[in-house]
Amino acid sequence: MKLVVDANILFAALIKKGSTAELIINDKLQLFAPEFLFNEFAKYEELILKKTHRSRKEFNQFLDLLKEQITVISKKEIIPFMDKAGKISPDPKDTIYVALALALKSYIWSNDRRLKQNQEEITVFTTEDLIKKTDFLKI
């Protein structure tokens, strides 16, 4: 299953060990993200370290794992879909994820209720939705 993963999913996986982190490493999920995503992690590294109580080494190891699991898509591949995504997305902050999903003809993995409920163009799966699909958790 192809999924565009939003930043909040990755932050959640970093902050709390559990189902989100398990899903990220599940080989039945193909994860994609816009190229800016890992810059967000660098930007909020200190805050993440405080919230997670992880060591910098653990943080960097997890970040390396994410980089292995997630295919990064360049902005130039997403730009042609930004106008349409802007009309679909209920929140301007989510427009790039919607554009990427349009570009890849994929779904979005996000726990953002507005994104899931206030548009019908792209299917949005929450972490809970993916967990209910128990066949995805069988690693």
N, C-alpha and C. Protein backbone atom coordinates (compact mmCIF):
# COMPACT_ATOMS: atom_id res chain seq x y z
N MET A 1 0.85 -1.18 0.00
CA MET A 1 0.00 0.00 0.00
C MET A 1 0.90 1.24 0.00
N LYS A 2 0.62 2.14 -0.94
CA LYS A 2 1.40 3.38 -1.02
C LYS A 2 0.75 4.44 -0.15
N LEU A 3 1.56 5.04 0.73
CA LEU A 3 1.06 6.06 1.64
C LEU A 3 1.99 7.26 1.69
N VAL A 4 1.42 8.43 1.59
CA VAL A 4 2.15 9.66 1.87
C VAL A 4 2.02 9.86 3.37
N VAL A 5 3.14 9.95 4.05
CA VAL A 5 3.13 10.05 5.50
C VAL A 5 3.38 11.51 5.90
N ASP A 6 2.54 12.03 6.79
CA ASP A 6 2.73 13.41 7.20
C ASP A 6 3.68 13.50 8.40
N ALA A 7 4.18 14.67 8.63
CA ALA A 7 5.20 14.88 9.67
C ALA A 7 4.72 14.48 11.05
N ASN A 8 3.46 14.72 11.35
CA ASN A 8 2.96 14.40 12.70
C ASN A 8 3.01 12.90 13.00
N ILE A 9 2.84 12.07 11.99
CA ILE A 9 2.95 10.62 12.17
C ILE A 9 4.38 10.28 12.59
N LEU A 10 5.34 10.89 11.93
CA LEU A 10 6.74 10.59 12.24
C LEU A 10 7.14 11.14 13.60
N PHE A 11 6.62 12.32 13.94
CA PHE A 11 6.88 12.86 15.28
C PHE A 11 6.30 11.92 16.34
N ALA A 12 5.09 11.42 16.08
CA ALA A 12 4.45 10.50 17.03
C ALA A 12 5.28 9.23 17.21
N ALA A 13 5.82 8.72 16.12
CA ALA A 13 6.64 7.51 16.19
C ALA A 13 7.91 7.75 16.99
N LEU A 14 8.45 8.94 16.87
CA LEU A 14 9.66 9.29 17.61
C LEU A 14 9.37 9.47 19.09
N ILE A 15 8.26 10.09 19.39
CA ILE A 15 7.95 10.43 20.77
C ILE A 15 7.54 9.20 21.58
N LYS A 16 6.78 8.30 20.96
CA LYS A 16 6.26 7.16 21.71
C LYS A 16 6.50 5.87 20.92
N LYS A 17 7.15 4.93 21.55
CA LYS A 17 7.33 3.63 20.91
C LYS A 17 5.98 2.93 20.90
N GLY A 18 5.67 2.27 19.80
CA GLY A 18 4.39 1.57 19.74
C GLY A 18 3.97 1.28 18.32
N SER A 19 2.67 1.27 18.10
CA SER A 19 2.10 0.86 16.82
C SER A 19 2.54 1.71 15.65
N THR A 20 2.66 3.01 15.84
CA THR A 20 3.08 3.89 14.75
C THR A 20 4.46 3.50 14.28
N ALA A 21 5.38 3.31 15.21
CA ALA A 21 6.75 2.93 14.85
C ALA A 21 6.76 1.55 14.17
N GLU A 22 5.92 0.63 14.65
CA GLU A 22 5.83 -0.70 14.03
C GLU A 22 5.33 -0.60 12.59
N LEU A 23 4.34 0.24 12.37
CA LEU A 23 3.81 0.41 11.02
C LEU A 23 4.85 1.01 10.09
N ILE A 24 5.64 1.93 10.58
CA ILE A 24 6.65 2.57 9.74
C ILE A 24 7.65 1.56 9.19
N ILE A 25 7.96 0.55 9.97
CA ILE A 25 8.93 -0.44 9.50
C ILE A 25 8.28 -1.66 8.84
N ASN A 26 6.96 -1.63 8.68
CA ASN A 26 6.25 -2.73 8.05
C ASN A 26 6.53 -2.72 6.54
N ASP A 27 7.02 -3.84 6.02
CA ASP A 27 7.40 -3.88 4.61
C ASP A 27 6.21 -3.93 3.65
N LYS A 28 4.99 -4.01 4.18
CA LYS A 28 3.80 -3.97 3.33
C LYS A 28 3.36 -2.55 3.02
N LEU A 29 3.97 -1.61 3.68
CA LEU A 29 3.65 -0.20 3.44
C LEU A 29 4.81 0.46 2.69
N GLN A 30 4.48 1.14 1.62
CA GLN A 30 5.46 1.94 0.90
C GLN A 30 5.20 3.39 1.33
N LEU A 31 6.17 3.97 2.00
CA LEU A 31 5.99 5.32 2.54
C LEU A 31 6.72 6.35 1.71
N PHE A 32 6.06 7.49 1.53
CA PHE A 32 6.61 8.59 0.74
C PHE A 32 6.41 9.88 1.52
N ALA A 33 7.31 10.82 1.29
CA ALA A 33 7.20 12.13 1.95
C ALA A 33 7.86 13.18 1.07
N PRO A 34 7.40 14.43 1.22
CA PRO A 34 8.06 15.53 0.51
C PRO A 34 9.45 15.77 1.10
N GLU A 35 10.34 16.32 0.29
CA GLU A 35 11.74 16.45 0.70
C GLU A 35 11.95 17.32 1.93
N PHE A 36 11.07 18.24 2.22
CA PHE A 36 11.27 19.13 3.36
C PHE A 36 11.12 18.41 4.71
N LEU A 37 10.51 17.23 4.69
CA LEU A 37 10.14 16.56 5.94
C LEU A 37 11.31 16.37 6.89
N PHE A 38 12.43 15.92 6.39
CA PHE A 38 13.56 15.66 7.29
C PHE A 38 14.19 16.96 7.78
N ASN A 39 13.97 18.05 7.07
CA ASN A 39 14.40 19.36 7.57
C ASN A 39 13.60 19.75 8.81
N GLU A 40 12.33 19.34 8.83
CA GLU A 40 11.48 19.60 10.00
C GLU A 40 12.03 18.91 11.24
N PHE A 41 12.53 17.70 11.05
CA PHE A 41 13.11 16.98 12.18
C PHE A 41 14.35 17.70 12.71
N ALA A 42 15.17 18.16 11.80
CA ALA A 42 16.37 18.88 12.23
C ALA A 42 15.97 20.16 12.96
N LYS A 43 14.96 20.83 12.45
CA LYS A 43 14.49 22.08 13.04
C LYS A 43 13.97 21.89 14.47
N TYR A 44 13.31 20.76 14.71
CA TYR A 44 12.69 20.51 16.02
C TYR A 44 13.42 19.46 16.84
N GLU A 45 14.67 19.19 16.50
CA GLU A 45 15.42 18.13 17.17
C GLU A 45 15.47 18.30 18.69
N GLU A 46 15.77 19.49 19.16
CA GLU A 46 15.87 19.71 20.61
C GLU A 46 14.54 19.46 21.32
N LEU A 47 13.47 19.94 20.73
CA LEU A 47 12.13 19.72 21.30
C LEU A 47 11.79 18.23 21.32
N ILE A 48 12.09 17.54 20.24
CA ILE A 48 11.83 16.11 20.16
C ILE A 48 12.63 15.37 21.23
N LEU A 49 13.88 15.74 21.38
CA LEU A 49 14.72 15.08 22.38
C LEU A 49 14.16 15.28 23.79
N LYS A 50 13.65 16.47 24.07
CA LYS A 50 13.06 16.73 25.38
C LYS A 50 11.80 15.89 25.60
N LYS A 51 10.94 15.82 24.58
CA LYS A 51 9.68 15.09 24.71
C LYS A 51 9.87 13.58 24.76
N THR A 52 10.88 13.09 24.07
CA THR A 52 11.04 11.64 23.97
C THR A 52 11.94 11.07 25.04
N HIS A 53 12.75 11.90 25.63
CA HIS A 53 13.76 11.45 26.58
C HIS A 53 14.72 10.45 25.93
N ARG A 54 14.88 10.57 24.64
CA ARG A 54 15.83 9.74 23.91
C ARG A 54 17.19 10.44 23.93
N SER A 55 18.22 9.67 23.79
CA SER A 55 19.54 10.26 23.64
C SER A 55 19.68 10.76 22.20
N ARG A 56 20.61 11.61 21.97
CA ARG A 56 20.85 12.11 20.61
C ARG A 56 21.20 10.93 19.69
N LYS A 57 21.94 9.96 20.22
CA LYS A 57 22.31 8.78 19.43
C LYS A 57 21.07 7.99 19.02
N GLU A 58 20.14 7.76 19.97
CA GLU A 58 18.89 7.06 19.66
C GLU A 58 18.07 7.83 18.62
N PHE A 59 18.01 9.14 18.80
CA PHE A 59 17.29 10.00 17.87
C PHE A 59 17.87 9.84 16.47
N ASN A 60 19.18 9.92 16.34
CA ASN A 60 19.83 9.81 15.04
C ASN A 60 19.66 8.42 14.43
N GLN A 61 19.67 7.39 15.26
CA GLN A 61 19.45 6.04 14.75
C GLN A 61 18.03 5.90 14.19
N PHE A 62 17.06 6.45 14.93
CA PHE A 62 15.68 6.38 14.46
C PHE A 62 15.51 7.20 13.18
N LEU A 63 16.14 8.35 13.13
CA LEU A 63 16.07 9.19 11.93
C LEU A 63 16.67 8.45 10.73
N ASP A 64 17.77 7.76 10.94
CA ASP A 64 18.38 6.96 9.86
C ASP A 64 17.43 5.87 9.39
N LEU A 65 16.73 5.23 10.34
CA LEU A 65 15.75 4.21 10.00
C LEU A 65 14.63 4.80 9.16
N LEU A 66 14.14 5.98 9.56
CA LEU A 66 13.09 6.64 8.78
C LEU A 66 13.55 6.94 7.36
N LYS A 67 14.78 7.39 7.24
CA LYS A 67 15.32 7.70 5.90
C LYS A 67 15.42 6.46 5.03
N GLU A 68 15.62 5.30 5.65
CA GLU A 68 15.65 4.05 4.89
C GLU A 68 14.25 3.62 4.47
N GLN A 69 13.27 3.89 5.31
CA GLN A 69 11.91 3.40 5.09
C GLN A 69 11.07 4.32 4.21
N ILE A 70 11.43 5.58 4.13
CA ILE A 70 10.60 6.57 3.45
C ILE A 70 11.29 7.07 2.20
N THR A 71 10.58 6.99 1.09
CA THR A 71 11.08 7.53 -0.16
C THR A 71 10.76 9.02 -0.21
N VAL A 72 11.78 9.82 -0.37
CA VAL A 72 11.62 11.27 -0.41
C VAL A 72 11.39 11.69 -1.86
N ILE A 73 10.38 12.51 -2.06
CA ILE A 73 10.03 12.99 -3.40
C ILE A 73 10.36 14.49 -3.48
N SER A 74 11.03 14.86 -4.55
CA SER A 74 11.46 16.25 -4.69
C SER A 74 10.28 17.18 -4.97
N LYS A 75 10.47 18.40 -4.59
CA LYS A 75 9.43 19.43 -4.76
C LYS A 75 9.05 19.59 -6.23
N LYS A 76 10.03 19.47 -7.13
CA LYS A 76 9.72 19.68 -8.55
C LYS A 76 8.74 18.63 -9.09
N GLU A 77 8.70 17.44 -8.47
CA GLU A 77 7.75 16.42 -8.89
C GLU A 77 6.35 16.69 -8.34
N ILE A 78 6.29 17.49 -7.27
CA ILE A 78 5.02 17.77 -6.60
C ILE A 78 4.37 19.05 -7.12
N ILE A 79 5.16 20.01 -7.55
CA ILE A 79 4.66 21.33 -7.96
C ILE A 79 3.51 21.27 -8.96
N PRO A 80 3.56 20.41 -9.98
CA PRO A 80 2.44 20.39 -10.94
C PRO A 80 1.07 20.06 -10.32
N PHE A 81 1.06 19.52 -9.13
CA PHE A 81 -0.19 19.12 -8.48
C PHE A 81 -0.63 20.08 -7.37
N MET A 82 0.15 21.13 -7.14
CA MET A 82 -0.13 22.03 -6.02
C MET A 82 -1.42 22.82 -6.18
N ASP A 83 -1.75 23.27 -7.38
CA ASP A 83 -2.98 24.04 -7.56
C ASP A 83 -4.22 23.21 -7.23
N LYS A 84 -4.26 22.00 -7.79
CA LYS A 84 -5.40 21.12 -7.51
C LYS A 84 -5.45 20.78 -6.03
N ALA A 85 -4.29 20.48 -5.45
CA ALA A 85 -4.23 20.14 -4.02
C ALA A 85 -4.71 21.29 -3.15
N GLY A 86 -4.39 22.51 -3.54
CA GLY A 86 -4.82 23.68 -2.79
C GLY A 86 -6.33 23.81 -2.74
N LYS A 87 -6.99 23.35 -3.78
CA LYS A 87 -8.46 23.39 -3.81
C LYS A 87 -9.07 22.26 -2.98
N ILE A 88 -8.34 21.17 -2.82
CA ILE A 88 -8.84 20.01 -2.09
C ILE A 88 -8.56 20.10 -0.60
N SER A 89 -7.37 20.54 -0.25
CA SER A 89 -6.92 20.50 1.14
C SER A 89 -7.67 21.49 2.03
N PRO A 90 -8.19 21.00 3.17
CA PRO A 90 -8.89 21.91 4.08
C PRO A 90 -7.94 22.80 4.88
N ASP A 91 -6.65 22.51 4.85
CA ASP A 91 -5.66 23.28 5.59
C ASP A 91 -4.45 23.51 4.69
N PRO A 92 -4.04 24.76 4.50
CA PRO A 92 -2.89 25.04 3.63
C PRO A 92 -1.63 24.26 4.03
N LYS A 93 -1.49 23.93 5.30
CA LYS A 93 -0.31 23.18 5.75
C LYS A 93 -0.29 21.75 5.19
N ASP A 94 -1.45 21.25 4.81
CA ASP A 94 -1.53 19.88 4.29
C ASP A 94 -1.49 19.82 2.76
N THR A 95 -1.47 20.96 2.11
CA THR A 95 -1.53 20.99 0.66
C THR A 95 -0.43 20.17 0.01
N ILE A 96 0.77 20.25 0.54
CA ILE A 96 1.88 19.51 -0.07
C ILE A 96 1.69 18.00 0.04
N TYR A 97 1.08 17.54 1.13
CA TYR A 97 0.81 16.10 1.27
C TYR A 97 -0.26 15.65 0.28
N VAL A 98 -1.28 16.47 0.11
CA VAL A 98 -2.33 16.17 -0.85
C VAL A 98 -1.74 16.17 -2.26
N ALA A 99 -0.91 17.14 -2.57
CA ALA A 99 -0.28 17.21 -3.90
C ALA A 99 0.58 15.97 -4.15
N LEU A 100 1.32 15.55 -3.16
CA LEU A 100 2.15 14.36 -3.31
C LEU A 100 1.27 13.12 -3.51
N ALA A 101 0.20 13.01 -2.77
CA ALA A 101 -0.72 11.87 -2.95
C ALA A 101 -1.32 11.87 -4.36
N LEU A 102 -1.66 13.04 -4.86
CA LEU A 102 -2.16 13.15 -6.24
C LEU A 102 -1.08 12.71 -7.23
N ALA A 103 0.13 13.18 -7.02
CA ALA A 103 1.24 12.85 -7.92
C ALA A 103 1.52 11.34 -7.95
N LEU A 104 1.41 10.71 -6.80
CA LEU A 104 1.72 9.28 -6.69
C LEU A 104 0.51 8.37 -6.85
N LYS A 105 -0.67 8.99 -6.93
CA LYS A 105 -1.92 8.23 -6.94
C LYS A 105 -1.94 7.29 -5.73
N SER A 106 -1.75 7.89 -4.58
CA SER A 106 -1.65 7.11 -3.34
C SER A 106 -2.61 7.65 -2.29
N TYR A 107 -2.52 7.03 -1.12
CA TYR A 107 -3.30 7.46 0.04
C TYR A 107 -2.42 8.32 0.94
N ILE A 108 -3.03 8.88 1.97
CA ILE A 108 -2.29 9.66 2.96
C ILE A 108 -2.44 8.98 4.32
N TRP A 109 -1.36 8.96 5.07
CA TRP A 109 -1.37 8.49 6.45
C TRP A 109 -1.25 9.70 7.34
N SER A 110 -2.33 10.04 8.01
CA SER A 110 -2.37 11.23 8.85
C SER A 110 -3.43 11.05 9.93
N ASN A 111 -3.18 11.60 11.08
CA ASN A 111 -4.19 11.59 12.14
C ASN A 111 -4.96 12.91 12.20
N ASP A 112 -4.83 13.70 11.17
CA ASP A 112 -5.50 14.99 11.08
C ASP A 112 -6.96 14.76 10.67
N ARG A 113 -7.87 14.95 11.62
CA ARG A 113 -9.30 14.70 11.36
C ARG A 113 -9.85 15.60 10.25
N ARG A 114 -9.41 16.85 10.23
CA ARG A 114 -9.90 17.76 9.19
C ARG A 114 -9.53 17.25 7.80
N LEU A 115 -8.32 16.78 7.66
CA LEU A 115 -7.86 16.28 6.36
C LEU A 115 -8.68 15.05 5.96
N LYS A 116 -8.98 14.22 6.91
CA LYS A 116 -9.74 12.99 6.63
C LYS A 116 -11.22 13.29 6.34
N GLN A 117 -11.80 14.21 7.07
CA GLN A 117 -13.25 14.43 6.99
C GLN A 117 -13.68 15.55 6.06
N ASN A 118 -12.81 16.48 5.77
CA ASN A 118 -13.24 17.67 5.02
C ASN A 118 -12.81 17.69 3.56
N GLN A 119 -12.49 16.53 3.03
CA GLN A 119 -12.23 16.40 1.60
C GLN A 119 -12.50 14.95 1.22
N GLU A 120 -12.85 14.74 -0.05
CA GLU A 120 -13.21 13.39 -0.48
C GLU A 120 -12.35 12.88 -1.63
N GLU A 121 -11.41 13.67 -2.04
CA GLU A 121 -10.58 13.32 -3.20
C GLU A 121 -9.52 12.26 -2.89
N ILE A 122 -8.91 12.35 -1.71
CA ILE A 122 -7.82 11.45 -1.31
C ILE A 122 -8.25 10.68 -0.07
N THR A 123 -8.06 9.38 -0.09
CA THR A 123 -8.37 8.58 1.10
C THR A 123 -7.27 8.80 2.13
N VAL A 124 -7.69 9.10 3.35
CA VAL A 124 -6.76 9.34 4.46
C VAL A 124 -6.95 8.24 5.49
N PHE A 125 -5.86 7.57 5.80
CA PHE A 125 -5.87 6.54 6.83
C PHE A 125 -5.21 7.10 8.09
N THR A 126 -5.88 6.92 9.22
CA THR A 126 -5.25 7.25 10.50
C THR A 126 -4.42 6.05 10.93
N THR A 127 -3.61 6.23 11.94
CA THR A 127 -2.86 5.11 12.49
C THR A 127 -3.83 4.02 12.95
N GLU A 128 -4.89 4.43 13.59
CA GLU A 128 -5.90 3.47 14.06
C GLU A 128 -6.50 2.68 12.90
N ASP A 129 -6.78 3.36 11.78
CA ASP A 129 -7.30 2.67 10.59
C ASP A 129 -6.33 1.59 10.12
N LEU A 130 -5.07 1.93 10.10
CA LEU A 130 -4.06 0.98 9.62
C LEU A 130 -3.89 -0.19 10.59
N ILE A 131 -3.99 0.09 11.87
CA ILE A 131 -3.90 -0.98 12.87
C ILE A 131 -5.05 -1.96 12.70
N LYS A 132 -6.23 -1.44 12.40
CA LYS A 132 -7.40 -2.31 12.20
C LYS A 132 -7.21 -3.25 11.02
N LYS A 133 -6.40 -2.84 10.08
CA LYS A 133 -6.07 -3.72 8.95
C LYS A 133 -4.95 -4.63 9.43
N THR A 134 -5.31 -5.56 10.27
CA THR A 134 -4.32 -6.36 11.00
C THR A 134 -3.32 -7.08 10.10
N ASP A 135 -3.69 -7.33 8.86
CA ASP A 135 -2.73 -8.00 7.99
C ASP A 135 -1.49 -7.13 7.75
N PHE A 136 -1.60 -5.83 7.93
CA PHE A 136 -0.44 -4.95 7.78
C PHE A 136 0.51 -5.08 8.97
N LEU A 137 0.00 -5.49 10.10
CA LEU A 137 0.85 -5.59 11.27
C LEU A 137 1.63 -6.90 11.34
N LYS A 138 1.28 -7.84 10.49
CA LYS A 138 2.00 -9.11 10.47
C LYS A 138 3.31 -8.92 9.72
N ILE A 139 4.36 -8.88 10.46
CA ILE A 139 5.68 -8.62 9.86
C ILE A 139 6.42 -9.93 9.68
